[in-house]
């Protein structure tokens, strides 16, 4: 099963402000999340809702916050942080 990956409005703006290598790394992670939305991600604190997750990307420079909706088969990216 392949999930759709969508950017929330704020995350879409963040994506366009990223350096090229960060965008490339994020696209690679998004493709992985579409195939395996529960692998390589951790539950966001306080951990009450396991649908809210985050993943590290770009050799540890990036942090991605997502919501996984199994019913809609949708991974929604809602926050992107890139540190260099």
C-alpha atoms as a PDB file:
ATOM      1  CA  UNK A   1       0.000   0.000   0.000  1.00  0.00           C
ATOM      2  CA  UNK A   2       1.333   3.445  -0.891  1.00  0.00           C
ATOM      3  CA  UNK A   3       0.290   6.500   1.093  1.00  0.00           C
ATOM      4  CA  UNK A   4      -0.041   9.955  -0.414  1.00  0.00           C
ATOM      5  CA  UNK A   5       2.314  12.583   0.991  1.00  0.00           C
ATOM      6  CA  UNK A   6       1.029  16.152   1.285  1.00  0.00           C
ATOM      7  CA  UNK A   7       2.484  19.369   2.632  1.00  0.00           C
ATOM      8  CA  UNK A   8       0.450  21.568   4.955  1.00  0.00           C
ATOM      9  CA  UNK A   9       0.530  25.225   3.882  1.00  0.00           C
ATOM     10  CA  UNK A  10       3.221  26.217   6.383  1.00  0.00           C
ATOM     11  CA  UNK A  11       5.396  23.234   5.515  1.00  0.00           C
ATOM     12  CA  UNK A  12       5.106  24.004   1.806  1.00  0.00           C
ATOM     13  CA  UNK A  13       6.489  27.489   2.460  1.00  0.00           C
ATOM     14  CA  UNK A  14       9.263  26.022   4.616  1.00  0.00           C
ATOM     15  CA  UNK A  15      10.137  23.540   1.859  1.00  0.00           C
ATOM     16  CA  UNK A  16      10.651  26.284  -0.721  1.00  0.00           C
ATOM     17  CA  UNK A  17      12.992  28.163   1.632  1.00  0.00           C
ATOM     18  CA  UNK A  18      15.271  25.133   2.139  1.00  0.00           C
ATOM     19  CA  UNK A  19      18.656  24.810   0.444  1.00  0.00           C
ATOM     20  CA  UNK A  20      18.702  22.435  -2.523  1.00  0.00           C
ATOM     21  CA  UNK A  21      20.411  19.559  -0.681  1.00  0.00           C
ATOM     22  CA  UNK A  22      17.820  19.795   2.102  1.00  0.00           C
ATOM     23  CA  UNK A  23      14.957  19.669  -0.420  1.00  0.00           C
ATOM     24  CA  UNK A  24      16.554  16.642  -2.096  1.00  0.00           C
ATOM     25  CA  UNK A  25      16.924  14.834   1.242  1.00  0.00           C
ATOM     26  CA  UNK A  26      13.347  15.663   2.215  1.00  0.00           C
ATOM     27  CA  UNK A  27      11.954  14.402  -1.105  1.00  0.00           C
ATOM     28  CA  UNK A  28      13.862  11.145  -0.565  1.00  0.00           C
ATOM     29  CA  UNK A  29      12.422  10.804   2.951  1.00  0.00           C
ATOM     30  CA  UNK A  30       8.905  11.625   1.699  1.00  0.00           C
ATOM     31  CA  UNK A  31       9.181   8.829  -0.876  1.00  0.00           C
ATOM     32  CA  UNK A  32      10.209   6.428   1.894  1.00  0.00           C
ATOM     33  CA  UNK A  33       7.321   7.583   4.092  1.00  0.00           C
ATOM     34  CA  UNK A  34       4.866   6.968   1.244  1.00  0.00           C
ATOM     35  CA  UNK A  35       5.937   3.321   1.197  1.00  0.00           C
ATOM     36  CA  UNK A  36       6.564   2.825   4.931  1.00  0.00           C
ATOM     37  CA  UNK A  37       4.919   5.624   6.953  1.00  0.00           C
ATOM     38  CA  UNK A  38       5.654   4.019  10.328  1.00  0.00           C
ATOM     39  CA  UNK A  39       9.320   3.096   9.783  1.00  0.00           C
ATOM     40  CA  UNK A  40      12.101   5.416  10.892  1.00  0.00           C
ATOM     41  CA  UNK A  41       9.835   7.882  12.650  1.00  0.00           C
ATOM     42  CA  UNK A  42       9.237   8.440  16.361  1.00  0.00           C
ATOM     43  CA  UNK A  43       6.131   9.536  18.222  1.00  0.00           C
ATOM     44  CA  UNK A  44       6.092  13.241  19.028  1.00  0.00           C
ATOM     45  CA  UNK A  45       6.101  14.110  22.736  1.00  0.00           C
ATOM     46  CA  UNK A  46       4.129  13.663  24.882  1.00  0.00           C
ATOM     47  CA  UNK A  47       3.331  10.585  22.799  1.00  0.00           C
ATOM     48  CA  UNK A  48      -0.404  10.471  23.409  1.00  0.00           C
ATOM     49  CA  UNK A  49      -1.286  10.203  19.735  1.00  0.00           C
ATOM     50  CA  UNK A  50       1.009   7.905  17.752  1.00  0.00           C
ATOM     51  CA  UNK A  51      -0.263   9.385  14.474  1.00  0.00           C
ATOM     52  CA  UNK A  52       1.875  12.474  15.161  1.00  0.00           C
ATOM     53  CA  UNK A  53       5.466  11.570  14.331  1.00  0.00           C
ATOM     54  CA  UNK A  54       8.819  13.088  13.506  1.00  0.00           C
ATOM     55  CA  UNK A  55      11.783  11.930  11.468  1.00  0.00           C
ATOM     56  CA  UNK A  56      15.357  13.067  11.083  1.00  0.00           C
ATOM     57  CA  UNK A  57      16.675  13.567   7.540  1.00  0.00           C
ATOM     58  CA  UNK A  58      19.622  15.062   5.682  1.00  0.00           C
ATOM     59  CA  UNK A  59      22.377  13.432   7.761  1.00  0.00           C
ATOM     60  CA  UNK A  60      20.846  14.787  10.955  1.00  0.00           C
ATOM     61  CA  UNK A  61      20.447  18.386   9.782  1.00  0.00           C
ATOM     62  CA  UNK A  62      16.684  18.188   9.289  1.00  0.00           C
ATOM     63  CA  UNK A  63      13.672  17.340  11.408  1.00  0.00           C
ATOM     64  CA  UNK A  64      10.300  16.616   9.846  1.00  0.00           C
ATOM     65  CA  UNK A  65       6.989  16.529  11.741  1.00  0.00           C
ATOM     66  CA  UNK A  66       4.184  14.488  10.173  1.00  0.00           C
ATOM     67  CA  UNK A  67       0.713  13.173  10.835  1.00  0.00           C
ATOM     68  CA  UNK A  68      -0.076   9.687   9.508  1.00  0.00           C
ATOM     69  CA  UNK A  69      -3.727   8.985   8.688  1.00  0.00           C
ATOM     70  CA  UNK A  70      -4.153   5.257   8.030  1.00  0.00           C
ATOM     71  CA  UNK A  71      -7.804   5.573   7.022  1.00  0.00           C
ATOM     72  CA  UNK A  72      -7.077   8.154   4.311  1.00  0.00           C
ATOM     73  CA  UNK A  73      -3.648   6.599   3.565  1.00  0.00           C
ATOM     74  CA  UNK A  74      -2.140  10.069   3.893  1.00  0.00           C
ATOM     75  CA  UNK A  75       1.097  11.364   5.399  1.00  0.00           C
ATOM     76  CA  UNK A  76       0.741  15.102   6.024  1.00  0.00           C
ATOM     77  CA  UNK A  77       3.962  17.027   6.574  1.00  0.00           C
ATOM     78  CA  UNK A  78       3.244  19.952   8.874  1.00  0.00           C
ATOM     79  CA  UNK A  79       6.648  21.243  10.030  1.00  0.00           C
ATOM     80  CA  UNK A  80      10.192  21.224   8.655  1.00  0.00           C
ATOM     81  CA  UNK A  81      13.307  22.335  10.513  1.00  0.00           C
ATOM     82  CA  UNK A  82      16.730  22.533   8.852  1.00  0.00           C
ATOM     83  CA  UNK A  83      19.875  23.432  10.798  1.00  0.00           C
ATOM     84  CA  UNK A  84      23.254  24.106   9.275  1.00  0.00           C
END
